[in-house]
Protein backbone atom coordinates (compact mmCIF):
# COMPACT_ATOMS: atom_id res chain seq x y z
CA MET A 1 13.29 -21.05 -8.01
CA CYS A 2 15.40 -18.15 -9.04
CA GLN A 3 13.70 -18.14 -11.98
CA ILE A 4 10.51 -16.91 -10.92
CA TYR A 5 12.11 -13.88 -9.04
CA ALA A 6 15.01 -13.13 -11.90
CA GLN A 7 12.64 -13.08 -14.69
CA ALA A 8 10.41 -10.40 -13.11
CA ASP A 9 9.77 -7.74 -15.89
CA PRO A 10 12.08 -5.38 -14.53
CA ILE A 11 8.98 -2.44 -15.20
CA LEU A 12 8.35 -3.62 -11.34
CA TYR A 13 11.08 -3.17 -9.43
CA GLU A 14 11.71 0.21 -11.44
CA SER A 15 11.27 3.28 -9.28
CA ARG A 16 8.64 6.24 -9.48
CA ALA A 17 8.61 8.70 -7.58
CA ARG A 18 4.87 10.35 -6.63
CA SER A 19 3.68 13.89 -5.82
CA VAL A 20 0.55 13.48 -2.58
CA ARG A 21 -0.72 16.16 -0.77
CA ILE A 22 -0.35 15.36 3.15
CA MET A 23 -1.45 17.16 5.97
CA GLY A 24 -1.48 20.25 3.50
CA VAL A 25 2.05 19.76 2.38
CA ILE A 26 2.88 18.61 -1.13
CA THR A 27 6.04 15.57 -0.84
CA THR A 28 7.27 13.33 -2.66
CA ILE A 29 7.19 9.55 -2.43
CA LYS A 30 9.13 7.71 -4.32
CA LEU A 31 8.11 3.57 -4.20
CA GLU A 32 8.64 0.61 -6.75
CA ASN A 33 5.84 0.47 -9.57
CA LEU A 34 4.76 -2.64 -7.84
CA PHE A 35 4.01 -1.20 -4.77
CA TRP A 36 2.49 1.60 -6.55
CA GLN A 37 -0.01 -0.79 -7.88
CA THR A 38 -0.79 -2.48 -5.22
CA LEU A 39 -1.76 0.27 -3.05
CA ALA A 40 -3.91 1.30 -6.42
CA GLU A 41 -5.90 -2.02 -5.63
CA LEU A 42 -5.92 -0.87 -1.93
CA ALA A 43 -7.17 2.01 -2.61
CA ALA A 44 -9.65 1.13 -5.07
CA ASP A 45 -10.99 -1.58 -2.47
CA ASN A 46 -12.01 1.27 -0.05
CA ASP A 47 -13.73 3.46 -2.93
CA LEU A 48 -10.09 6.26 -2.95
CA THR A 49 -7.90 7.62 -4.72
CA THR A 50 -3.98 6.39 -4.46
CA ASN A 51 -3.43 9.71 -3.23
CA GLN A 52 -6.47 9.84 -0.58
CA LEU A 53 -5.34 6.46 0.46
CA ILE A 54 -1.72 7.74 1.36
CA ALA A 55 -2.86 11.00 2.76
CA LYS A 56 -5.16 8.16 5.04
CA LEU A 57 -2.90 5.90 5.80
CA HIS A 58 -0.51 9.10 6.90
CA ASP A 59 -2.96 10.11 9.37
CA GLU A 60 -3.89 7.07 10.86
CA VAL A 61 0.21 5.95 12.10
CA THR A 62 0.83 9.73 13.18
CA THR A 63 -2.36 9.46 15.30
CA HIS A 64 -1.48 5.80 16.45
CA LEU A 65 2.39 6.23 16.98
CA GLY A 66 2.94 10.44 16.97
CA GLU A 67 4.67 10.63 13.86
CA ALA A 68 5.31 8.71 10.30
CA SER A 69 9.17 7.71 10.21
CA ASN A 70 9.88 6.41 7.20
CA PHE A 71 6.74 6.94 5.59
CA ALA A 72 7.63 4.94 2.62
CA SER A 73 8.94 1.95 4.30
CA PHE A 74 5.34 1.57 5.86
CA LEU A 75 3.52 2.39 2.68
CA ARG A 76 5.96 -0.76 1.71
CA VAL A 77 4.91 -2.89 4.39
CA THR A 78 1.50 -1.80 4.22
CA CYS A 79 1.38 -3.58 0.47
CA LEU A 80 2.78 -6.73 2.01
CA ARG A 81 0.55 -6.90 4.42
CA TYR A 82 -2.28 -6.13 2.00
CA GLN A 83 -0.91 -9.10 -0.05
CA ALA A 84 -0.70 -11.66 2.87
CA LEU A 85 -4.29 -10.75 4.09
CA ARG A 86 -6.06 -10.79 0.49
CA ALA A 87 -3.93 -14.29 -0.12
CA HIS A 88 -5.54 -15.39 3.54
CA ALA A 89 -8.54 -14.62 2.79
CA GLY A 90 -8.42 -16.37 -0.96
CA PHE A 91 -7.75 -19.70 1.05
CA GLU A 92 -10.76 -19.15 3.22
CA SER A 93 -13.07 -18.08 1.38
CA LYS A 94 -12.02 -17.34 -2.35
CA ALA A 95 -12.88 -13.68 -2.02
CA VAL A 96 -10.77 -10.49 -0.09
CA SER A 97 -12.74 -10.20 3.43
CA ALA A 98 -13.27 -7.34 5.52
CA ALA A 99 -10.30 -7.37 7.19
CA THR A 100 -8.61 -5.82 4.26
CA LYS A 101 -10.68 -2.34 4.75
CA ILE A 102 -8.92 0.03 5.63
CA ASN A 103 -12.05 1.07 7.58
CA ALA A 104 -12.68 -2.22 8.97
CA ALA A 105 -12.53 -2.81 12.83
CA ALA A 106 -9.16 -3.67 14.54
């Protein structure tokens, strides 16, 4: 089993920092490449750029919680939840459901 994970392309877990504008301030976020790829997919599914998606997620989490502590970890969890929803939708309908859309009502 370990070979499935241990033989993953090292580029996927290499970290990369990107600058994004959040609430008018340019900040740097450092994530592994696989998370950047997943955020790009989620953004495309919502007709947004990756930077627009990140800004929107930041706005939503600060509105909900009052702050966005450990925002990079929040983005990683968002990616995992997105992948889980896609997998679940794939089992049910073989397509990404409306549940993966960030604008969908909860």
